[in-house]
Protein backbone atom coordinates (compact mmCIF):
# COMPACT_ATOMS: atom_id res chain seq x y z
CA MET A 1 -101.08 206.98 -47.53
CA SER A 2 -102.20 206.99 -51.04
CA GLY A 3 -102.11 203.99 -53.52
CA ALA A 4 -99.22 204.94 -55.07
CA GLU A 5 -97.24 204.92 -52.26
CA LEU A 6 -98.49 201.68 -50.73
CA GLU A 7 -97.41 199.70 -54.11
CA CYS A 8 -94.26 201.67 -54.18
CA LYS A 9 -93.87 200.06 -50.18
CA GLN A 10 -95.05 196.67 -50.96
CA MET A 11 -92.48 196.51 -54.13
CA ASP A 12 -89.54 197.59 -51.74
CA VAL A 13 -90.50 193.67 -50.00
CA PHE A 14 -89.05 192.57 -53.29
CA ASP A 15 -86.00 193.48 -55.65
CA PHE A 16 -87.77 192.31 -59.26
CA PHE A 17 -85.01 192.83 -62.50
CA THR A 18 -87.36 196.01 -63.17
CA SER A 19 -88.70 198.88 -60.83
CA SER A 20 -91.73 199.33 -62.77
CA LEU A 21 -94.99 197.52 -60.87
CA GLU A 22 -96.98 198.06 -63.73
CA GLU A 23 -94.24 196.11 -65.90
CA CYS A 24 -94.05 193.29 -63.25
CA LYS A 25 -97.87 192.67 -63.05
CA GLN A 26 -97.87 191.78 -67.03
CA ILE A 27 -95.34 189.74 -66.75
CA ALA A 28 -96.98 187.86 -63.67
CA ALA A 29 -100.39 188.31 -65.56
CA ALA A 30 -99.23 186.55 -68.54
CA LEU A 31 -97.10 184.02 -66.39
CA VAL A 32 -100.41 183.24 -64.63
CA GLU A 33 -102.23 182.72 -67.04
CA ILE A 34 -100.18 179.46 -68.86
CA GLY A 35 -100.00 178.35 -64.94
CA CYS A 36 -96.80 179.08 -63.14
CA CYS A 37 -96.96 179.28 -59.49
CA ALA A 38 -96.19 182.04 -57.07
CA ARG A 39 -92.57 181.34 -56.33
CA CYS A 40 -92.15 180.80 -60.34
CA LEU A 41 -93.69 184.31 -60.88
CA LEU A 42 -90.87 185.11 -58.65
CA ARG A 43 -88.25 183.82 -60.24
CA PHE A 44 -89.42 184.69 -63.66
CA LEU A 45 -89.06 188.08 -62.58
CA GLY A 46 -85.21 188.13 -61.54
CA GLU A 47 -85.95 187.79 -57.53
CA ASN A 48 -82.55 186.81 -56.38
CA LYS A 49 -83.17 187.98 -52.50
CA THR A 50 -83.58 184.87 -50.65
CA SER A 51 -86.07 186.25 -48.24
CA SER A 52 -88.58 187.03 -50.69
CA TYR A 53 -89.33 183.31 -51.37
CA LYS A 54 -90.42 182.92 -47.60
CA HIS A 55 -93.20 185.09 -48.18
CA SER A 56 -97.07 183.26 -48.45
CA HIS A 57 -98.43 183.20 -51.72
CA GLN A 58 -100.83 185.15 -50.98
CA LYS A 59 -98.80 188.25 -50.14
CA VAL A 60 -96.84 187.74 -53.37
CA TYR A 61 -100.81 188.00 -55.18
CA ASP A 62 -101.15 191.22 -53.52
CA VAL A 63 -98.10 192.92 -53.80
CA LEU A 64 -98.59 191.85 -57.78
CA GLY A 65 -102.11 192.80 -58.21
CA LEU A 66 -103.56 189.10 -58.90
CA GLU A 67 -106.66 187.35 -57.11
CA ARG A 68 -105.95 183.84 -55.48
CA SER A 69 -107.34 181.41 -57.68
CA PRO A 70 -108.01 177.74 -57.30
CA ASN A 71 -105.52 176.91 -59.63
CA LEU A 72 -102.21 178.76 -58.21
CA GLY A 73 -100.26 177.65 -55.49
CA SER A 74 -100.03 174.70 -53.26
CA GLU A 75 -103.81 173.60 -54.03
CA GLN A 76 -103.64 174.24 -57.53
CA VAL A 77 -104.94 170.74 -59.52
CA CYS A 78 -101.88 171.28 -62.46
CA PRO A 79 -98.38 170.77 -61.33
CA CYS A 80 -96.92 174.06 -62.82
CA PRO A 81 -95.51 174.28 -65.82
CA SER A 82 -91.74 175.48 -64.81
CA CYS A 83 -91.49 173.57 -61.66
CA LEU A 84 -93.01 170.51 -62.20
CA GLY A 85 -94.74 171.36 -59.06
CA ILE A 86 -91.44 170.97 -57.02
CA LEU A 87 -92.10 174.84 -55.29
CA GLN A 88 -95.80 173.62 -54.79
CA LYS A 89 -96.35 170.47 -53.47
CA TYR A 90 -93.18 169.34 -52.30
CA ALA A 91 -92.22 172.66 -50.55
CA ASP A 92 -95.47 172.55 -48.11
CA ASN A 93 -95.38 171.48 -44.65
CA LEU A 94 -97.05 167.88 -45.67
CA PHE A 95 -94.02 167.19 -47.48
CA LEU A 96 -91.24 168.53 -45.22
CA ASN A 97 -92.73 166.50 -42.58
CA LYS A 98 -92.51 163.68 -44.92
CA ILE A 99 -88.58 164.38 -44.64
CA LEU A 100 -88.68 164.22 -41.03
CA LYS A 101 -90.05 160.95 -40.70
CA THR A 102 -87.84 159.88 -43.09
CA VAL A 103 -84.81 161.14 -41.25
CA GLU A 104 -85.91 159.66 -37.92
CA GLU A 105 -86.71 156.36 -39.60
CA ASN A 106 -82.73 156.41 -40.18
CA SER A 107 -82.08 156.78 -36.82
CA TYR A 108 -78.98 159.37 -38.17
CA GLU A 109 -76.84 161.51 -35.43
CA PHE A 110 -76.00 164.92 -37.05
CA SER A 111 -75.82 168.64 -35.74
CA GLU A 112 -76.22 170.09 -38.99
CA TYR A 113 -77.57 168.79 -42.50
CA GLN A 114 -77.63 170.02 -46.31
CA CYS A 115 -80.65 169.66 -48.73
CA SER A 116 -79.43 168.61 -52.45
CA LEU A 117 -82.13 168.07 -55.19
CA ILE A 118 -81.90 165.91 -58.66
CA LEU A 119 -84.14 167.45 -60.96
CA PRO A 120 -85.64 166.00 -64.08
CA VAL A 121 -83.57 167.25 -67.21
CA SER A 122 -87.08 168.22 -69.07
CA ILE A 123 -86.83 171.80 -66.33
CA ALA A 124 -84.55 173.19 -68.38
CA ILE A 125 -86.21 172.49 -71.59
CA ARG A 126 -89.59 174.37 -69.90
CA GLN A 127 -87.32 177.01 -68.65
CA ARG A 128 -86.10 178.05 -71.54
CA SER A 129 -89.40 177.78 -73.47
CA ILE A 130 -90.95 180.30 -70.90
CA HIS A 131 -88.13 182.75 -71.21
CA ILE A 132 -88.43 182.46 -75.06
CA PHE A 133 -92.17 183.30 -74.35
CA LEU A 134 -91.35 186.43 -71.96
CA LYS A 135 -88.99 188.06 -74.54
CA LYS A 136 -91.39 187.42 -77.57
CA LYS A 137 -94.00 188.93 -75.78
CA PHE A 138 -92.89 191.92 -74.25
CA GLY A 139 -89.92 192.43 -75.75
CA ASP A 140 -87.22 195.13 -74.48
CA ILE A 141 -89.22 195.06 -71.48
CA TYR A 142 -88.03 191.34 -70.24
CA SER A 143 -84.25 192.01 -70.26
CA ILE A 144 -83.36 189.24 -67.74
CA ARG A 145 -80.68 186.71 -69.21
CA GLU A 146 -82.03 183.13 -68.75
CA ASP A 147 -78.67 182.59 -66.95
CA ASP A 148 -79.36 185.15 -64.11
CA LEU A 149 -82.73 183.45 -63.17
CA PRO A 150 -82.35 181.77 -59.81
CA THR A 151 -82.57 177.71 -60.26
CA VAL A 152 -85.44 175.45 -58.96
CA LYS A 153 -83.08 173.67 -56.44
CA ASP A 154 -81.81 177.32 -54.91
CA ILE A 155 -85.46 178.58 -54.73
CA TRP A 156 -86.70 175.12 -53.13
CA LYS A 157 -83.80 175.60 -50.46
CA TRP A 158 -84.40 179.49 -49.96
CA SER A 159 -88.54 178.38 -49.22
CA CYS A 160 -87.65 175.65 -47.14
CA GLY A 161 -84.31 175.18 -45.66
CA PHE A 162 -85.10 176.75 -42.74
CA LYS A 163 -88.02 175.19 -42.05
CA VAL A 164 -86.53 171.57 -42.40
CA GLY A 165 -84.33 172.77 -40.14
CA GLU A 166 -86.71 173.58 -37.05
CA LEU A 167 -88.52 169.98 -37.64
CA LEU A 168 -85.22 168.58 -37.19
CA SER A 169 -83.60 170.84 -34.38
CA ALA A 170 -80.51 170.99 -36.65
CA GLN A 171 -78.65 173.67 -38.58
CA PHE A 172 -79.31 174.02 -42.12
CA GLN A 173 -76.02 174.39 -44.40
CA ASN A 174 -75.15 174.66 -47.99
CA LYS A 175 -72.28 172.22 -47.45
CA SER A 176 -72.57 169.81 -44.88
CA GLU A 177 -71.60 165.76 -44.12
CA PHE A 178 -74.88 165.25 -43.69
CA ASP A 179 -77.41 164.84 -47.06
CA ILE A 180 -80.81 164.87 -47.28
CA LEU A 181 -80.84 163.94 -51.32
CA MET A 182 -84.82 164.63 -52.72
CA THR A 183 -84.85 162.75 -56.21
CA PHE A 184 -87.70 164.23 -58.78
CA THR A 185 -88.60 161.98 -61.53
CA TYR A 186 -90.75 163.44 -63.86
CA PRO A 187 -92.14 160.50 -66.87
CA GLN A 188 -92.43 162.49 -69.65
CA SER A 189 -88.83 163.97 -69.00
CA ASP A 190 -87.19 161.65 -71.57
CA LYS A 191 -90.43 162.63 -74.29
CA GLU A 192 -89.89 166.34 -73.90
CA CYS A 193 -86.39 166.54 -74.72
CA SER A 194 -86.54 163.86 -77.58
CA PHE A 195 -86.50 166.91 -79.88
CA LEU A 196 -82.81 167.42 -79.12
CA LEU A 197 -81.61 163.94 -80.29
CA ASP A 198 -83.19 164.75 -84.02
CA THR A 199 -81.19 168.09 -83.71
CA PHE A 200 -78.21 167.03 -82.00
CA PRO A 201 -77.46 163.41 -82.65
CA ASP A 202 -73.93 163.49 -81.98
CA VAL A 203 -74.42 164.60 -78.91
CA PHE A 204 -76.43 162.11 -77.42
CA ARG A 205 -75.86 159.11 -79.33
CA LYS A 206 -72.09 159.49 -77.79
CA ARG A 207 -73.67 159.15 -74.44
CA LYS A 208 -75.54 156.06 -75.59
CA GLN A 209 -72.03 154.23 -75.45
CA ARG A 210 -71.48 155.30 -72.57
CA LYS A 211 -71.42 153.05 -69.29
CA TYR A 212 -74.90 154.26 -68.65
CA ALA A 213 -76.44 153.52 -71.43
CA PHE A 214 -80.22 154.12 -69.92
CA GLU A 215 -79.04 158.37 -69.54
CA THR A 216 -79.63 159.86 -72.84
CA PHE A 217 -80.70 162.70 -71.62
CA THR A 218 -78.22 164.59 -68.45
CA ARG A 219 -78.15 167.97 -67.08
CA ALA A 220 -74.41 168.40 -68.87
CA ASN A 221 -75.57 167.23 -72.68
CA VAL A 222 -79.20 169.02 -72.70
CA ALA A 223 -77.48 172.37 -71.41
CA LYS A 224 -74.83 172.48 -74.24
CA ALA A 225 -77.77 171.12 -76.88
CA LEU A 226 -79.77 174.02 -75.73
CA GLY A 227 -76.43 176.67 -75.61
CA ASP A 228 -76.25 175.88 -79.09
CA MET A 229 -79.36 176.24 -80.12
CA THR A 230 -81.12 179.84 -81.16
CA ASP A 231 -83.92 180.83 -80.07
CA SER A 232 -85.92 180.93 -83.29
CA LYS A 233 -84.67 177.04 -83.71
CA PHE A 234 -86.13 176.16 -80.20
CA GLU A 235 -89.62 177.62 -81.35
CA ASP A 236 -89.29 175.41 -84.54
CA CYS A 237 -88.87 172.28 -82.28
CA THR A 238 -91.93 172.39 -79.26
CA SER A 239 -93.82 175.23 -78.09
CA CYS A 240 -92.92 178.47 -76.35
CA PRO A 241 -94.72 178.14 -73.89
CA PRO A 242 -94.90 174.49 -72.71
CA SER A 243 -97.60 172.78 -71.88
CA LEU A 244 -98.94 171.74 -68.08
CA PRO A 245 -97.94 168.86 -67.22
CA VAL A 246 -99.56 165.89 -67.86
CA ALA A 247 -98.58 163.80 -64.41
CA GLU A 248 -96.69 164.81 -61.44
CA CYS A 249 -93.44 164.45 -60.00
CA MET A 250 -92.56 161.64 -58.02
CA CYS A 251 -90.11 162.39 -55.32
CA GLU A 252 -87.73 159.57 -53.17
CA ILE A 253 -86.21 161.15 -49.91
CA THR A 254 -82.90 159.10 -49.23
CA CYS A 255 -80.54 160.67 -46.30
CA THR A 256 -76.12 159.80 -46.30
CA HIS A 257 -73.70 161.24 -44.54
CA GLU A 258 -70.04 161.35 -45.80
CA ALA A 259 -67.78 158.87 -44.84
CA VAL A 260 -65.57 158.81 -41.71
CA PHE A 261 -62.55 157.58 -41.28
CA VAL A 262 -61.60 155.57 -38.25
CA ALA A 263 -57.25 154.94 -37.66
CA GLY A 264 -54.94 153.51 -35.59
CA ARG A 265 -52.58 150.66 -35.02
CA TYR A 266 -52.58 147.14 -34.53
CA LYS A 267 -50.89 144.59 -33.44
CA LYS A 268 -51.05 140.44 -34.41
CA TYR A 269 -49.99 137.91 -31.81
CA SER A 270 -51.27 135.05 -33.75
CA ARG A 271 -49.18 132.93 -36.54
CA VAL A 272 -52.13 131.25 -37.76
CA LEU A 273 -54.71 134.88 -38.29
CA SER A 274 -54.71 135.96 -42.25
CA GLN A 275 -55.12 140.03 -42.00
CA THR A 276 -58.21 139.72 -44.28
CA PRO A 277 -61.19 136.69 -44.50
CA TRP A 278 -59.21 134.42 -46.31
CA ILE A 279 -62.17 132.90 -48.73
CA VAL A 280 -61.37 130.80 -51.69
CA GLU A 281 -64.14 129.43 -53.96
CA GLY A 282 -66.91 130.72 -51.72
CA LYS A 283 -65.49 128.73 -48.17
CA ARG A 284 -63.35 130.35 -45.71
CA VAL A 285 -59.89 129.08 -45.53
CA MET A 286 -59.55 130.21 -41.91
CA GLU A 287 -61.57 131.22 -39.17
CA GLY A 288 -61.49 135.43 -38.29
CA SER A 289 -59.60 137.96 -39.44
CA VAL A 290 -57.48 140.97 -38.51
CA GLU A 291 -60.14 143.00 -40.44
CA GLU A 292 -62.89 141.27 -38.60
CA LEU A 293 -61.87 141.29 -35.30
CA ILE A 294 -60.92 145.21 -35.21
CA CYS A 295 -64.15 145.94 -37.23
CA GLU A 296 -66.67 144.11 -35.52
CA SER A 297 -66.82 146.54 -32.35
CA ILE A 298 -66.20 149.88 -34.94
CA LEU A 299 -69.29 148.44 -37.10
CA ASN A 300 -71.78 147.82 -34.07
CA THR A 301 -70.81 151.71 -32.91
CA PHE A 302 -70.65 153.71 -36.14
CA LYS A 303 -73.46 151.64 -37.55
CA PRO A 304 -72.19 151.97 -41.24
CA SER A 305 -73.95 150.57 -44.71
CA ASP A 306 -70.49 149.16 -45.83
CA HIS A 307 -66.89 149.74 -44.71
CA ARG A 308 -63.51 149.26 -46.36
CA PHE A 309 -60.53 148.28 -44.38
CA SER A 310 -56.78 149.22 -45.71
CA SER A 311 -53.37 149.08 -43.98
CA SER A 312 -49.30 150.21 -44.51
CA GLY A 313 -48.89 146.93 -46.05
CA ARG A 314 -49.43 143.57 -44.65
CA GLU A 315 -48.08 140.48 -43.06
CA ASP A 316 -48.16 136.63 -43.85
CA VAL A 317 -50.40 134.47 -41.90
CA ASP A 318 -47.67 133.32 -40.05
CA VAL A 319 -45.89 136.23 -39.42
CA ARG A 320 -46.72 138.24 -35.94
CA MET A 321 -46.82 142.25 -36.29
CA LEU A 322 -45.21 143.81 -32.78
CA GLY A 323 -43.30 147.11 -31.96
CA ASN A 324 -45.58 149.71 -32.67
CA GLY A 325 -48.01 147.81 -34.60
CA ARG A 326 -49.50 148.52 -38.21
CA PRO A 327 -51.04 151.54 -39.23
CA PHE A 328 -54.85 150.93 -40.54
CA ILE A 329 -57.99 152.54 -41.69
CA VAL A 330 -61.42 151.95 -41.33
CA GLU A 331 -63.50 153.81 -44.21
CA LEU A 332 -66.76 153.73 -42.82
CA ILE A 333 -69.62 154.33 -45.65
CA ASN A 334 -72.52 155.96 -44.88
CA PRO A 335 -72.28 155.48 -41.03
CA HIS A 336 -75.66 156.50 -38.77
CA CYS A 337 -73.57 157.22 -35.52
CA VAL A 338 -70.56 159.81 -36.16
CA ILE A 339 -70.43 162.18 -32.73
CA PHE A 340 -67.92 160.79 -30.55
CA SER A 341 -65.16 161.93 -28.16
CA LYS A 342 -61.82 160.83 -27.27
CA GLN A 343 -62.88 159.04 -24.70
CA ASP A 344 -65.70 157.37 -26.44
CA MET A 345 -62.88 156.35 -28.99
CA SER A 346 -61.28 154.99 -25.94
CA VAL A 347 -63.73 153.25 -25.03
CA LEU A 348 -63.88 151.87 -28.17
CA GLN A 349 -60.52 150.81 -28.66
CA GLU A 350 -60.99 148.96 -24.78
CA LYS A 351 -63.57 147.08 -26.47
CA ILE A 352 -62.08 145.68 -29.29
CA ASN A 353 -58.86 144.99 -27.24
CA SER A 354 -61.40 142.84 -24.74
CA CYS A 355 -62.91 140.51 -27.59
CA SER A 356 -59.46 138.99 -28.82
CA LYS A 357 -55.75 138.30 -27.48
CA ASP A 358 -54.46 137.92 -30.98
CA VAL A 359 -54.80 141.17 -32.29
CA GLN A 360 -54.54 144.39 -30.13
CA VAL A 361 -55.06 147.90 -30.98
CA GLN A 362 -53.72 151.62 -30.14
CA ASP A 363 -54.25 154.85 -31.02
CA LEU A 364 -57.68 154.54 -32.46
CA GLN A 365 -59.00 158.04 -33.12
CA ILE A 366 -61.11 159.69 -35.96
CA VAL A 367 -59.26 161.44 -38.93
CA SER A 368 -59.96 163.93 -41.79
CA ARG A 369 -60.14 161.97 -45.68
CA GLU A 370 -57.13 163.70 -46.26
CA ASP A 371 -54.92 162.72 -43.20
CA THR A 372 -55.72 158.98 -44.61
CA ALA A 373 -53.30 159.96 -48.16
CA ILE A 374 -50.29 159.81 -45.51
CA LEU A 375 -51.25 156.31 -45.20
CA LYS A 376 -50.72 155.39 -48.81
CA ASP A 377 -47.81 158.03 -49.44
CA GLY A 378 -45.97 156.35 -46.48
CA GLU A 379 -46.46 152.64 -48.53
CA ILE A 380 -44.05 154.18 -51.27
CA SER A 381 -41.77 155.57 -48.89
CA LYS A 382 -41.41 153.49 -45.50
CA THR A 383 -38.76 151.16 -44.03
CA LYS A 384 -39.49 148.14 -41.99
CA CYS A 385 -37.68 146.36 -39.41
CA TYR A 386 -38.10 142.66 -38.94
CA SER A 387 -36.72 139.98 -36.85
CA ALA A 388 -36.22 136.23 -37.97
CA GLU A 389 -35.73 133.17 -36.45
CA CYS A 390 -33.52 131.10 -38.94
CA TRP A 391 -31.37 128.09 -39.49
CA CYS A 392 -28.10 127.69 -40.95
CA GLU A 393 -26.60 124.40 -42.06
CA ARG A 394 -23.57 125.22 -40.08
CA PRO A 395 -23.14 127.30 -36.73
CA LEU A 396 -22.66 130.63 -37.61
CA THR A 397 -19.18 131.86 -36.49
CA ASP A 398 -17.85 135.70 -35.45
CA THR A 399 -16.81 135.94 -38.79
CA ASP A 400 -20.30 135.64 -40.18
CA LEU A 401 -21.74 138.10 -37.53
CA ALA A 402 -19.04 140.67 -38.29
CA LYS A 403 -19.50 140.24 -42.01
CA LEU A 404 -23.45 140.33 -42.00
CA ALA A 405 -23.19 143.57 -39.20
CA ALA A 406 -20.80 145.11 -42.02
CA ILE A 407 -23.91 145.12 -44.98
CA LYS A 408 -24.93 148.15 -45.80
CA ASP A 409 -27.97 149.28 -48.64
CA LEU A 410 -27.69 145.58 -50.08
CA VAL A 411 -29.24 145.88 -53.56
CA LEU A 412 -31.61 142.41 -54.23
CA GLN A 413 -33.17 141.17 -57.47
CA GLN A 414 -35.90 139.53 -56.37
CA LYS A 415 -38.38 137.53 -58.76
CA THR A 416 -42.30 137.22 -57.74
CA PRO A 417 -41.92 134.07 -55.38
CA LEU A 418 -43.53 130.85 -56.02
CA ARG A 419 -45.78 131.25 -53.58
CA VAL A 420 -47.60 134.09 -54.41
CA LEU A 421 -47.22 133.67 -58.17
CA HIS A 422 -50.66 132.49 -58.71
CA ARG A 423 -52.19 135.94 -57.81
CA ARG A 424 -48.73 138.64 -58.49
CA THR A 425 -47.56 139.25 -61.62
CA ALA A 426 -44.12 137.55 -62.74
CA ALA A 427 -41.88 140.32 -62.71
CA THR A 428 -38.10 140.87 -61.08
CA ARG A 429 -38.15 143.56 -58.71
CA GLU A 430 -35.59 145.38 -57.08
CA ARG A 431 -34.94 146.17 -53.40
CA LEU A 432 -32.90 147.14 -50.32
CA ILE A 433 -31.83 145.84 -47.38
CA HIS A 434 -30.44 149.11 -45.41
CA SER A 435 -28.48 146.99 -42.91
CA LEU A 436 -28.25 143.38 -41.01
CA SER A 437 -27.44 142.25 -38.24
CA ALA A 438 -27.33 138.56 -36.23
CA GLU A 439 -26.97 136.75 -32.89
CA VAL A 440 -26.59 133.35 -32.05
CA LEU A 441 -29.32 131.51 -30.26
CA SER A 442 -28.29 128.07 -29.79
CA GLY A 443 -26.18 125.54 -32.51
CA ARG A 444 -28.00 126.00 -35.55
CA LEU A 445 -30.15 128.82 -34.84
CA PHE A 446 -29.89 132.50 -34.78
CA LYS A 447 -31.86 135.44 -35.06
CA LEU A 448 -31.63 138.26 -37.90
CA ASN A 449 -32.51 140.85 -37.65
CA LEU A 450 -33.14 143.83 -40.78
CA ASN A 451 -33.94 146.87 -41.83
CA THR A 452 -35.17 146.56 -45.39
CA GLN A 453 -37.20 149.04 -48.36
CA ALA A 454 -41.15 148.50 -47.84
CA GLY A 455 -41.83 145.80 -50.24
CA THR A 456 -38.89 143.02 -49.66
CA TYR A 457 -39.73 139.32 -49.37
CA ILE A 458 -37.41 138.25 -46.51
CA LYS A 459 -38.41 134.80 -46.28
CA GLU A 460 -37.23 134.44 -49.88
CA PHE A 461 -34.13 136.23 -49.00
CA VAL A 462 -33.31 133.94 -46.23
CA HIS A 463 -34.03 130.38 -48.01
CA SER A 464 -33.22 131.93 -51.74
CA ASP A 465 -36.80 130.78 -52.96
CA PHE A 466 -34.59 128.33 -55.57
CA GLY A 467 -32.81 130.81 -56.48
CA ARG A 468 -35.02 133.30 -57.02
CA THR A 469 -33.76 136.13 -54.41
CA THR A 470 -30.21 137.29 -55.65
CA PRO A 471 -27.65 138.11 -53.45
CA ASN A 472 -29.86 135.94 -50.45
CA LEU A 473 -28.78 135.10 -47.20
CA GLY A 474 -27.24 131.10 -48.12
CA GLU A 475 -25.38 133.09 -50.73
CA LEU A 476 -23.78 135.62 -48.27
CA LEU A 477 -22.89 132.74 -45.65
CA GLY A 478 -21.76 130.63 -48.13
CA ALA A 479 -24.33 128.00 -46.42
CA GLU A 480 -28.13 126.90 -46.53
CA CYS A 481 -30.52 128.71 -44.53
CA ASP A 482 -33.80 128.61 -43.82
CA ILE A 483 -36.44 130.83 -41.46
CA ILE A 484 -38.78 129.50 -38.65
CA HIS A 485 -40.59 132.38 -37.71
CA LEU A 486 -40.56 136.19 -38.61
CA ASP A 487 -41.87 138.98 -37.12
CA VAL A 488 -42.40 142.46 -38.30
CA GLU A 489 -40.64 144.83 -35.51
CA SER A 490 -41.80 147.63 -37.02
CA VAL A 491 -43.33 149.73 -39.74
CA ASP A 492 -41.60 153.44 -40.13
CA VAL A 493 -44.70 155.69 -41.34
CA ASP A 494 -45.33 158.23 -38.72
CA TRP A 495 -48.83 158.11 -38.77
CA PRO A 496 -51.54 158.20 -37.08
CA PRO A 497 -50.62 160.29 -34.14
CA MET A 498 -49.88 158.44 -31.01
CA ILE A 499 -52.77 159.33 -28.27
CA ASN A 500 -51.52 160.34 -24.93
CA LEU A 501 -50.58 157.31 -23.22
CA ASP A 502 -52.03 159.27 -19.52
CA ILE A 503 -55.28 159.80 -21.07
CA SER A 504 -55.34 156.18 -21.97
CA LYS A 505 -54.41 155.19 -18.43
CA GLU A 506 -57.25 157.05 -17.18
CA ASN A 507 -59.64 155.34 -19.35
CA ASN A 508 -58.52 152.37 -18.36
CA SER A 509 -57.95 151.54 -21.93
CA THR A 510 -54.30 150.10 -21.53
CA ILE A 511 -54.49 146.47 -22.37
CA SER A 512 -51.72 143.95 -21.16
CA GLU A 513 -49.54 142.61 -24.16
CA ASN A 514 -48.40 139.50 -22.85
CA HIS A 515 -49.13 137.00 -25.99
CA THR A 516 -48.25 133.64 -26.51
CA ASP A 517 -47.17 132.21 -29.96
CA LYS A 518 -49.39 129.83 -31.64
CA LYS A 519 -48.53 127.13 -34.07
CA GLN A 520 -46.83 128.58 -37.43
CA SER A 521 -49.57 127.79 -40.40
CA GLU A 522 -47.90 125.46 -43.05
CA GLU A 523 -49.40 128.06 -45.62
CA SER A 524 -48.72 131.76 -45.99
CA THR A 525 -51.10 134.30 -48.03
CA ASP A 526 -48.89 137.27 -48.56
CA LYS A 527 -45.49 139.14 -48.77
CA THR A 528 -44.57 140.55 -45.24
């Protein structure tokens, strides 16, 4: 095989912007002269074939007719003026093993992963500088547009993504819930961008007035400024090609996992238990809460960095939640353990239920972020059913019972209750009671059943809150009324999906629901 044929065969390995090997050699030699690394040679030659970046540095030098030098590749003394060493020192086996160590130390569960890179903003300046240098030096020969150059981020992933996967025994993906984030910082980055501030003061001074005032230069505003700047103006402001970096980049490796959402329904059988921790001026008003009883076992299982508990409404401290329970979601932020089967979730549900007789959960399951919107949508449209033990200053008659049963879609005008006025906006809210019924218990005691619009204050409807709710039960009956106990019988949101009861029994997760009432608290914390 002749030398020319060998060169053509070698060129077939790559896919440069020009098919002329001689032109490629000239451009590569110029890049070597200013200190660029092997991967940046390929980059500025327009190489977009991912496999090309897996070749050894020596292979690149051989094809381009370059001699290996101590100042090239991963051993070079000075970092590359294009990538600041990110495609050299931070793409070698030593650094990849550092990634492995960091992941192992953080003890995450994952089957696939992605790598994210945050680069110094000045890399955009240096890329523009080298691109102008090559266009000026080679004229029409160097015809590749800057926008067509592969990015440093992409090249790192092409070069190292599969290697990291081999070390982690996991599949590399461009998009994954588990993210290995590498944040690169370069101490001279702001200084190298400073000429943009003088040229485009409005672009960067506006940024200074925003929340993150310390970030004068960002990828977005630097890109905008460079887009508005001509090549000649750029050359007037900074050197082309750029000088060698005066310091190395530093890299911080962090691991994160996207949030996992655990949903279910809870029942509350205590009348002295708040839904969320009740803390006033740093002191607990009550020990424990629904949130804490549910979340303790979930947090120990998923091991998140933080969590958020939310539910479809909330009941007062002294109100029980019965029926099928109240839908809730626990957002687990940056969980370390995430691989759980349905049976695992059934065991977790049983563990939660074994910790307390006051709160029991059912239908515990992992749901998607999109599914959680159903909970919020339900807060607007849902109805709720209640039962209340009430007192009237006179015994109820059959006429009273018939009158209440005949009521349909009763419109209430409810002012913000006095008991929550200290933390709620004073307003008058229109609410609907869809239906009412009552049954006499004994003497002046009776049971009231209601189906209402979400957000209706039931206690205030019964006792009128000093006339702040109209009409109220006392007005309807023509006699003073008060409420003794209140229970939520159902929250009419058809979510999360019911877990098959037969499966639950097989997993021994069915918990007895025979509970006794506790003493009614004297102070309630929120609307029913």
